[in-house]
Protein backbone atom coordinates (compact mmCIF):
# COMPACT_ATOMS: atom_id res chain seq x y z
CA MET A 1 0.00 0.00 0.00
CA GLN A 2 1.39 3.40 -1.02
CA LEU A 3 0.34 7.00 -0.41
CA HIS A 4 1.34 9.60 -3.01
CA PHE A 5 1.02 13.33 -2.29
CA LEU A 6 0.01 15.08 -5.52
CA GLY A 7 -1.16 18.36 -3.99
CA ALA A 8 -1.81 20.40 -0.82
CA THR A 9 1.89 20.16 0.08
CA GLY A 10 3.50 23.49 0.96
CA THR A 11 0.21 25.15 0.07
CA VAL A 12 -3.48 25.10 1.02
CA THR A 13 -4.67 24.29 -2.51
CA GLY A 14 -4.58 21.48 -5.06
CA SER A 15 -5.60 18.68 -2.68
CA LYS A 16 -4.91 15.28 -4.30
CA TYR A 17 -3.81 12.12 -2.50
CA LEU A 18 -3.31 8.91 -4.46
CA VAL A 19 -3.65 5.60 -2.61
CA THR A 20 -2.44 2.48 -4.42
CA ALA A 21 -3.27 -0.91 -2.94
CA GLY A 22 -2.37 -3.98 -4.97
CA SER A 23 -3.45 -3.11 -8.52
CA GLU A 24 -6.11 -0.62 -7.34
CA LYS A 25 -5.72 3.17 -7.46
CA VAL A 26 -7.97 5.56 -5.55
CA LEU A 27 -7.65 9.35 -5.54
CA ILE A 28 -8.73 11.25 -2.42
CA ASP A 29 -9.74 14.76 -3.52
CA CYS A 30 -9.13 16.22 -6.95
CA GLY A 31 -8.59 19.93 -6.45
CA LEU A 32 -7.25 22.91 -8.34
CA PHE A 33 -4.05 24.70 -7.42
CA GLN A 34 -4.53 28.41 -6.70
CA GLY A 35 -2.31 31.32 -5.71
CA TYR A 36 1.27 31.63 -6.99
CA LYS A 37 1.75 31.24 -10.74
CA GLN A 38 4.10 28.29 -10.31
CA LEU A 39 1.30 26.53 -8.43
CA ARG A 40 -1.40 27.43 -10.96
CA LEU A 41 0.77 26.08 -13.77
CA ARG A 42 0.51 22.64 -12.16
CA ASN A 43 -3.15 22.57 -13.21
CA TRP A 44 -1.96 22.34 -16.81
CA GLU A 45 0.53 19.53 -16.15
CA PRO A 46 -0.46 15.86 -16.64
CA LEU A 47 -0.97 13.82 -13.50
CA PRO A 48 1.76 11.25 -12.75
CA VAL A 49 -0.87 8.51 -13.10
CA PRO A 50 -3.04 8.29 -16.26
CA ALA A 51 -6.62 9.26 -15.44
CA ALA A 52 -7.95 6.09 -17.10
CA GLU A 53 -5.99 3.95 -14.61
CA LEU A 54 -7.79 5.40 -11.57
CA ASP A 55 -10.49 3.14 -10.16
CA ALA A 56 -12.28 5.76 -8.06
CA VAL A 57 -12.17 9.26 -6.60
CA VAL A 58 -13.41 10.20 -3.13
CA LEU A 59 -14.07 13.86 -2.29
CA THR A 60 -13.82 15.29 1.21
CA HIS A 61 -15.91 18.32 0.18
CA ALA A 62 -16.98 20.57 -2.67
CA HIS A 63 -14.61 23.56 -2.53
CA LEU A 64 -12.70 23.90 -5.79
CA ASP A 65 -9.29 23.36 -4.19
CA HIS A 66 -10.61 19.86 -3.43
CA SER A 67 -12.95 19.18 -6.39
CA GLY A 68 -12.14 21.62 -9.19
CA TYR A 69 -9.80 19.35 -11.19
CA LEU A 70 -12.53 16.72 -11.76
CA PRO A 71 -13.71 18.04 -15.15
CA LEU A 72 -10.13 17.75 -16.41
CA LEU A 73 -9.78 14.26 -14.95
CA VAL A 74 -12.85 13.08 -16.86
CA LYS A 75 -11.66 14.90 -19.98
CA GLN A 76 -8.37 12.97 -19.66
CA GLY A 77 -10.14 9.60 -19.63
CA PHE A 78 -11.28 8.85 -16.07
CA ARG A 79 -14.28 6.50 -16.17
CA GLY A 80 -14.62 5.33 -12.58
CA LYS A 81 -16.98 6.59 -9.90
CA ILE A 82 -16.64 9.81 -7.93
CA PHE A 83 -17.79 9.16 -4.35
CA CYS A 84 -18.80 11.91 -1.93
CA SER A 85 -21.53 12.83 0.53
CA GLU A 86 -24.98 13.73 -0.76
CA ALA A 87 -24.61 17.41 0.15
CA THR A 88 -21.20 17.57 -1.55
CA PHE A 89 -22.78 16.23 -4.74
CA ASP A 90 -25.52 18.88 -4.52
CA LEU A 91 -22.89 21.60 -4.16
CA CYS A 92 -20.67 20.21 -6.94
CA LYS A 93 -23.65 20.38 -9.29
CA ILE A 94 -23.45 24.15 -8.77
CA LEU A 95 -19.74 24.76 -8.24
CA LEU A 96 -18.18 22.78 -11.08
CA PRO A 97 -20.30 24.10 -14.00
CA ASP A 98 -19.90 27.62 -12.59
CA SER A 99 -16.12 27.13 -12.45
CA GLY A 100 -16.08 26.08 -16.09
CA HIS A 101 -18.33 29.00 -17.07
CA LEU A 102 -16.11 31.52 -15.28
CA GLN A 103 -13.00 30.13 -16.93
CA GLU A 104 -14.66 30.50 -20.33
CA GLU A 105 -15.67 34.08 -19.44
CA ASP A 106 -12.16 34.95 -18.27
CA ALA A 107 -10.59 33.51 -21.42
CA ALA A 108 -13.06 35.38 -23.64
CA PHE A 109 -12.42 38.64 -21.72
CA ALA A 110 -8.65 38.17 -22.10
CA ASN A 111 -9.02 37.58 -25.82
CA ARG A 112 -11.25 40.65 -26.27
CA HIS A 113 -8.84 42.91 -24.40
CA GLY A 114 -5.61 41.23 -25.53
CA TYR A 115 -3.89 41.04 -22.14
CA SER A 116 -3.10 37.30 -22.15
CA LYS A 117 0.34 36.06 -23.22
CA HIS A 118 -1.42 33.12 -24.91
CA GLN A 119 -3.05 33.58 -28.31
CA PRO A 120 -5.77 32.66 -27.95
CA ALA A 121 -6.29 32.37 -24.20
CA LEU A 122 -8.02 29.07 -23.41
CA PRO A 123 -10.02 27.93 -20.39
CA LEU A 124 -8.64 25.09 -18.31
CA TYR A 125 -11.99 23.41 -18.96
CA THR A 126 -15.47 24.45 -20.04
CA GLU A 127 -18.93 24.37 -18.49
CA ASP A 128 -19.76 21.39 -20.74
CA ASP A 129 -16.69 19.54 -19.40
CA ALA A 130 -17.94 20.11 -15.86
CA VAL A 131 -21.47 18.93 -16.64
CA ARG A 132 -20.01 15.77 -18.19
CA ALA A 133 -18.01 15.08 -15.02
CA LEU A 134 -21.17 15.17 -12.88
CA LYS A 135 -22.38 11.97 -14.58
CA PHE A 136 -19.69 10.00 -12.75
CA PHE A 137 -20.75 11.02 -9.24
CA SER A 138 -22.04 8.41 -6.81
CA PRO A 139 -23.19 10.04 -3.53
CA LEU A 140 -22.85 8.16 -0.24
CA ARG A 141 -24.54 8.43 3.12
CA PHE A 142 -22.47 9.27 6.16
CA ASP A 143 -21.41 6.34 8.39
CA ALA A 144 -22.18 3.78 5.66
CA PRO A 145 -19.08 1.79 4.49
CA CYS A 146 -18.82 1.48 0.71
CA ALA A 147 -16.65 -0.65 -1.59
CA LEU A 148 -14.59 1.65 -3.84
CA ALA A 149 -12.46 -0.93 -5.62
CA GLU A 150 -11.24 -4.49 -5.11
CA GLY A 151 -10.57 -4.80 -1.37
CA ILE A 152 -10.82 -1.05 -0.63
CA HIS A 153 -13.68 0.33 1.46
CA ALA A 154 -14.44 3.92 2.48
CA THR A 155 -16.46 5.46 5.28
CA LEU A 156 -17.42 9.13 5.46
CA VAL A 157 -18.32 11.05 8.63
CA PRO A 158 -19.13 14.78 8.96
CA ALA A 159 -16.15 17.15 9.21
CA GLY A 160 -18.06 20.38 9.82
CA HIS A 161 -16.39 23.09 7.68
CA ILE A 162 -19.13 23.37 5.00
CA LEU A 163 -22.23 21.40 4.05
CA GLY A 164 -21.31 17.83 3.17
CA ALA A 165 -17.66 18.09 4.24
CA ALA A 166 -16.37 14.66 5.25
CA ILE A 167 -13.57 12.95 7.09
CA VAL A 168 -12.72 9.97 4.87
CA SER A 169 -11.39 6.64 6.17
CA LEU A 170 -10.06 4.10 3.68
CA LYS A 171 -9.60 0.47 4.71
CA TYR A 172 -7.53 -2.08 2.76
CA GLN A 173 -7.12 -5.48 4.36
CA GLU A 174 -6.27 -4.60 7.99
CA THR A 175 -4.87 -1.11 7.33
CA THR A 176 -6.86 2.13 7.70
CA VAL A 177 -5.85 5.55 6.36
CA THR A 178 -7.93 8.55 7.48
CA PHE A 179 -8.05 11.91 5.68
CA SER A 180 -9.32 14.80 7.77
CA GLY A 181 -10.23 16.94 4.77
CA ASP A 182 -10.84 20.47 6.01
CA LEU A 183 -11.85 20.34 9.67
CA GLY A 184 -14.55 22.71 10.84
CA ARG A 185 -14.76 24.77 14.01
CA LEU A 186 -15.82 23.30 17.35
CA ASN A 187 -18.39 26.03 18.07
CA ASP A 188 -19.33 27.38 14.66
CA LEU A 189 -22.46 29.53 14.42
CA ILE A 190 -23.88 27.42 11.60
CA MET A 191 -22.00 24.15 11.08
CA VAL A 192 -21.80 21.21 13.48
CA ALA A 193 -18.43 20.24 15.01
CA PRO A 194 -16.14 17.68 13.31
CA THR A 195 -16.93 14.06 14.18
CA PRO A 196 -14.47 12.55 16.70
CA VAL A 197 -12.31 9.73 15.33
CA GLU A 198 -10.87 7.20 17.76
CA LYS A 199 -8.54 5.05 15.71
CA THR A 200 -6.62 4.85 12.44
CA ASP A 201 -3.27 3.43 11.32
CA TYR A 202 -2.30 6.51 9.29
CA LEU A 203 -3.68 10.04 9.43
CA VAL A 204 -3.53 12.85 6.88
CA VAL A 205 -4.51 16.08 8.65
CA GLU A 206 -4.92 19.63 7.39
CA SER A 207 -2.92 22.53 8.86
CA THR A 208 -4.37 25.72 7.33
CA TYR A 209 -4.30 27.41 10.75
CA GLY A 210 -1.68 25.10 12.25
CA ASN A 211 0.38 28.01 13.59
CA ARG A 212 -2.29 30.24 15.11
CA ARG A 213 -5.38 30.61 17.25
CA HIS A 214 -8.52 32.34 16.06
CA ASP A 215 -9.29 35.70 17.69
CA PRO A 216 -11.88 35.05 20.44
CA THR A 217 -13.70 38.31 19.60
CA ASP A 218 -17.20 37.74 18.25
CA PRO A 219 -16.83 38.07 14.44
CA MET A 220 -20.32 39.59 14.25
CA ILE A 221 -19.07 42.55 16.32
CA MET A 222 -16.07 42.96 14.01
CA LEU A 223 -18.28 42.76 10.91
CA GLY A 224 -20.73 45.29 12.33
CA ASN A 225 -17.93 47.72 13.25
CA THR A 226 -16.42 47.53 9.75
CA ILE A 227 -19.76 48.10 8.03
CA ARG A 228 -20.72 51.04 10.29
CA GLU A 229 -17.35 52.74 9.88
CA THR A 230 -17.47 52.41 6.09
CA VAL A 231 -21.08 53.60 5.87
CA SER A 232 -20.18 56.65 8.00
CA ARG A 233 -17.60 57.58 5.33
CA GLY A 234 -20.19 57.15 2.59
CA GLY A 235 -18.30 54.10 1.34
CA VAL A 236 -18.94 50.65 -0.06
CA VAL A 237 -17.94 47.38 1.64
CA VAL A 238 -16.77 44.77 -0.89
CA ILE A 239 -16.43 41.28 0.59
CA PRO A 240 -14.73 38.60 -1.53
CA ALA A 241 -16.29 35.38 -0.24
CA PHE A 242 -16.53 31.73 -1.22
CA ALA A 243 -20.00 31.16 -2.64
CA VAL A 244 -20.33 28.01 -0.56
CA GLY A 245 -19.98 28.33 3.20
CA ARG A 246 -18.57 31.81 3.75
CA ALA A 247 -21.26 33.67 1.82
CA GLN A 248 -24.03 31.99 3.81
CA GLU A 249 -22.34 32.73 7.14
CA LEU A 250 -21.90 36.39 6.19
CA LEU A 251 -25.55 36.65 5.15
CA TYR A 252 -26.69 35.19 8.45
CA TYR A 253 -24.50 37.61 10.42
CA ILE A 254 -25.83 40.54 8.38
CA HIS A 255 -29.39 39.39 9.11
CA LEU A 256 -28.60 39.33 12.85
CA LEU A 257 -26.90 42.75 12.69
CA LYS A 258 -29.91 44.33 11.00
CA GLU A 259 -32.35 42.65 13.39
CA SER A 260 -30.44 44.01 16.38
CA GLY A 261 -30.12 47.48 14.86
CA ALA A 262 -26.31 47.27 14.85
CA ILE A 263 -26.30 48.29 11.17
CA PRO A 264 -28.98 50.22 9.28
CA ARG A 265 -31.96 48.01 8.36
CA LEU A 266 -32.29 49.74 4.99
CA LEU A 267 -28.61 49.38 4.06
CA PRO A 268 -28.52 47.72 0.61
CA VAL A 269 -26.79 44.32 0.65
CA TYR A 270 -26.08 42.47 -2.60
CA LEU A 271 -25.01 38.89 -3.18
CA ASN A 272 -23.39 38.91 -6.60
CA SER A 273 -23.43 35.19 -7.22
CA PRO A 274 -26.38 33.26 -8.62
CA MET A 275 -24.47 30.14 -7.56
CA ALA A 276 -24.42 31.31 -3.94
CA LYS A 277 -28.21 31.67 -4.07
CA ASP A 278 -28.51 28.03 -5.15
CA ALA A 279 -26.02 26.96 -2.48
CA THR A 280 -28.05 28.75 0.19
CA ALA A 281 -31.17 26.81 -0.84
CA ILE A 282 -29.26 23.55 -0.28
CA TYR A 283 -29.07 24.41 3.44
CA HIS A 284 -32.81 23.70 3.60
CA ARG A 285 -32.29 20.23 2.14
CA HIS A 286 -29.55 19.22 4.59
CA ARG A 287 -30.83 20.43 7.93
CA LYS A 288 -29.06 17.74 9.98
CA LEU A 289 -25.64 19.02 8.91
CA HIS A 290 -26.00 22.50 10.43
CA ARG A 291 -27.46 24.30 13.43
CA LEU A 292 -30.00 26.61 11.71
CA THR A 293 -33.76 26.19 11.87
CA ASP A 294 -35.91 26.48 8.75
CA ALA A 295 -36.87 30.02 9.80
CA GLN A 296 -33.22 30.97 10.23
CA CYS A 297 -32.41 29.48 6.81
CA ASP A 298 -35.16 31.64 5.30
CA ALA A 299 -33.80 34.72 7.03
CA MET A 300 -30.31 33.95 5.69
CA CYS A 301 -31.69 33.48 2.18
CA HIS A 302 -33.43 36.88 2.24
CA ALA A 303 -30.62 38.91 3.82
CA ALA A 304 -29.39 40.19 0.43
CA LYS A 305 -30.64 41.02 -3.05
CA ILE A 306 -29.34 38.41 -5.49
CA ILE A 307 -27.53 39.74 -8.55
CA ASN A 308 -28.13 37.35 -11.43
CA SER A 309 -27.07 38.96 -14.69
CA VAL A 310 -23.81 40.48 -15.88
CA GLU A 311 -25.72 43.71 -16.58
CA GLU A 312 -26.90 43.91 -12.95
CA SER A 313 -23.36 43.24 -11.79
CA LYS A 314 -21.97 46.08 -13.93
CA ALA A 315 -24.71 48.42 -12.69
CA LEU A 316 -23.55 47.93 -9.09
CA ASN A 317 -20.22 49.51 -9.97
CA GLN A 318 -22.01 52.75 -10.87
CA GLN A 319 -23.79 53.00 -7.50
CA HIS A 320 -21.33 54.99 -5.42
CA MET A 321 -23.44 55.00 -2.27
CA PRO A 322 -23.17 53.06 1.00
CA MET A 323 -23.84 49.35 0.40
CA VAL A 324 -22.39 45.89 0.98
CA ILE A 325 -21.41 43.66 -1.94
CA ILE A 326 -20.58 39.99 -1.36
CA ALA A 327 -19.09 38.28 -4.41
CA ALA A 328 -16.91 35.30 -5.26
CA SER A 329 -14.10 34.40 -5.12
CA GLY A 330 -12.95 34.32 -1.51
CA MET A 331 -9.28 35.04 -2.24
CA ALA A 332 -10.00 37.41 -5.16
CA THR A 333 -8.49 34.97 -7.66
CA GLY A 334 -11.26 35.38 -10.24
CA GLY A 335 -14.97 35.83 -10.78
CA ARG A 336 -17.23 38.87 -10.54
CA VAL A 337 -15.54 40.29 -7.46
CA LEU A 338 -12.61 41.38 -9.64
CA HIS A 339 -14.83 43.90 -11.47
CA HIS A 340 -16.00 45.29 -8.11
CA LEU A 341 -12.42 45.58 -6.89
CA ALA A 342 -11.47 47.47 -10.05
CA ALA A 343 -14.37 49.86 -9.45
CA PHE A 344 -14.12 50.41 -5.69
CA ALA A 345 -10.47 49.78 -4.68
CA PRO A 346 -9.26 53.26 -5.77
CA ASP A 347 -11.63 55.13 -3.41
CA PRO A 348 -10.38 55.60 0.21
CA ARG A 349 -13.97 55.77 1.50
CA ASN A 350 -14.48 52.11 0.64
CA THR A 351 -13.44 48.93 2.45
CA ILE A 352 -12.25 45.64 1.00
CA LEU A 353 -13.06 43.09 3.70
CA PHE A 354 -11.61 39.58 3.65
CA ALA A 355 -13.32 36.88 5.69
CA GLY A 356 -10.94 33.98 6.12
CA PHE A 357 -7.58 32.60 5.01
CA GLN A 358 -5.74 34.12 2.04
CA ALA A 359 -3.29 31.76 0.35
CA GLY A 360 0.14 33.05 -0.66
CA GLY A 361 0.23 34.41 -4.21
CA THR A 362 -3.44 35.44 -4.27
CA ARG A 363 -4.68 39.01 -4.65
CA GLY A 364 -6.19 38.71 -1.19
CA ALA A 365 -2.81 37.98 0.37
CA ALA A 366 -1.20 40.82 -1.60
CA MET A 367 -3.82 43.35 -0.49
CA LEU A 368 -3.53 42.31 3.15
CA GLY A 369 0.24 42.51 2.78
CA GLY A 370 0.07 46.22 1.98
CA ALA A 371 0.10 46.29 -1.83
CA GLU A 372 -0.42 49.78 -3.26
CA SER A 373 -1.97 48.42 -6.44
CA ILE A 374 -3.39 45.14 -7.71
CA LYS A 375 -3.31 43.68 -11.19
CA ILE A 376 -6.78 42.95 -12.56
CA HIS A 377 -7.39 41.85 -16.15
CA GLY A 378 -3.94 42.94 -17.25
CA LYS A 379 -4.06 46.43 -15.70
CA TYR A 380 -2.84 47.79 -12.35
CA VAL A 381 -5.57 49.27 -10.18
CA PRO A 382 -4.55 51.64 -7.35
CA LEU A 383 -5.50 50.34 -3.92
CA ARG A 384 -6.60 53.28 -1.77
CA ALA A 385 -9.57 51.63 -0.07
CA GLN A 386 -9.26 50.38 3.48
CA VAL A 387 -8.28 46.69 3.58
CA ALA A 388 -9.48 44.64 6.54
CA GLN A 389 -9.77 41.01 7.54
CA ILE A 390 -12.00 39.08 9.93
CA ASP A 391 -9.72 36.11 10.36
CA ASN A 392 -11.92 34.27 12.83
CA LEU A 393 -14.77 33.98 10.33
CA SER A 394 -12.79 31.09 8.90
CA ALA A 395 -14.51 27.73 8.53
CA HIS A 396 -11.21 25.99 9.38
CA ALA A 397 -10.30 24.73 12.83
CA ASP A 398 -7.38 26.59 14.37
CA ALA A 399 -4.35 24.87 15.92
CA ASP A 400 -6.01 24.40 19.32
CA GLU A 401 -9.17 22.99 17.74
CA ILE A 402 -7.14 20.55 15.63
CA LEU A 403 -5.33 19.35 18.76
CA THR A 404 -8.68 18.97 20.52
CA TRP A 405 -9.96 16.81 17.64
CA LEU A 406 -6.78 14.72 17.76
CA GLY A 407 -7.38 14.22 21.48
CA HIS A 408 -10.24 11.81 20.72
CA PHE A 409 -7.83 9.17 19.35
CA SER A 410 -7.59 6.27 21.77
CA VAL A 411 -4.52 4.82 19.99
CA PRO A 412 -1.79 6.92 18.32
CA PRO A 413 -1.58 6.56 14.51
CA LYS A 414 1.61 4.96 13.21
CA LYS A 415 2.32 8.18 11.33
CA VAL A 416 0.63 11.56 10.85
CA PHE A 417 1.05 13.35 7.51
CA ILE A 418 0.52 17.10 7.79
CA THR A 419 -0.79 18.78 4.63
CA HIS A 420 -2.97 21.62 3.36
CA GLY A 421 -1.00 24.44 5.00
CA GLU A 422 1.63 27.02 4.18
CA PRO A 423 5.13 25.78 5.24
CA ASP A 424 5.16 27.71 8.53
CA ALA A 425 1.71 26.47 9.54
CA ALA A 426 2.39 22.83 8.64
CA ASP A 427 5.69 22.74 10.49
CA ALA A 428 4.25 24.48 13.55
CA LEU A 429 1.48 21.88 13.76
CA ARG A 430 4.06 19.09 13.34
CA LYS A 431 6.03 20.41 16.31
CA ARG A 432 2.90 20.73 18.47
CA ILE A 433 1.66 17.21 17.75
CA GLU A 434 5.10 15.74 18.37
CA SER A 435 5.64 17.65 21.61
CA GLU A 436 2.13 17.47 23.05
CA ARG A 437 1.07 14.01 21.88
CA GLY A 438 4.37 12.28 21.13
CA TRP A 439 3.16 11.07 17.72
CA HIS A 440 5.38 10.45 14.69
CA CYS A 441 4.70 13.24 12.17
CA THR A 442 5.98 14.24 8.76
CA VAL A 443 5.30 17.12 6.36
CA PRO A 444 5.30 15.60 2.85
CA GLU A 445 6.88 17.20 -0.20
CA TYR A 446 5.09 17.60 -3.52
CA ARG A 447 4.81 14.21 -5.28
CA GLU A 448 6.48 12.42 -2.38
CA THR A 449 5.49 8.74 -1.92
CA PHE A 450 5.29 6.72 1.29
CA GLU A 451 5.03 2.97 1.83
CA LEU A 452 2.29 2.10 4.33
CA GLU A 453 3.05 -1.04 6.32
């Protein structure tokens, strides 16, 4: 049995873990690389294993850094099944076609304006490619073991984080390998806590916040303060946010802030993502995976005006009055939020508010790092707006919460592989686990392979 690390090493994106057992090959997660150009270029490189040789794929959850490579995998010849939770499948039906559509839009925009070095600029994959990939999905129930390939079984349990997020345990003969996926918070406002795991032979654990603790301040207070301060200047709050998970949490907080009178009830709030509207509706269908009642789900759904068309999106950029705009993507790597940043970043009255982790090499990380301008669609836009971050709105467990989850193990794993973190975060978590729990840990390198006894 071998474990190959094909992504999420030295970075929080591109999650792909290949497990080979006998003649069988199973891929855990199939995500896109994001951030630095040298990482994004990996999306265009062939995988070290031909797609047609893979027997199955198992997804931990629907975010594109875990699922976004699937259309390419199918395009390259994969014909097995893609296993995931039912809610993850529902979200992928929205996320993957939208990803393909946005890539087509970006390529077309680059060709119209001639700023790409490639002639013509091409999308990584299309909306049709993504729709084709959905035909290979096979959703699973939580806590129900399933045969993936000859002798390999998988069990999924809830990981918190976002709807449908799973901790995946693979069993081959007498050996079990568990993948944490992205672990959620212990006391999240919306999502339930990650399921405790008591035993595994090998563990692959994320480390996005492996070197820090979340600020204990109530994020709703921080959000309310930022909105009030910006409105008092006559400015606009632009919030880049993942359409799945973060957008819904922000909408619910905004609903609570308006209900309490902490921000003006008549303040216009826009959700510029038709996909996020569909994702919000999925919360109604999967009530057991989160803490909200049906009434609270309705309130969340109606906390903002949904912007559907490109024309409506462009019109927002002409409304220089106090308002809140929530738009994808969460790290400002693409999507409609780029047009809002181009329109509102030059004005010091406005605020660009980030809600969660910003991977190295992304526009979000550059803006938080003090950049004076940002490159959007081939042109540099001056950054005079206030730039703020509510770090503890993250859907990821922090270092203390990860250690708390690890505390449920009754028997130490033979080895812990620490992934899905920037180098500092991964190494800090390694040191903590080794010193506090005495477990054998390693931080894998890109494409490194390990023999599992």
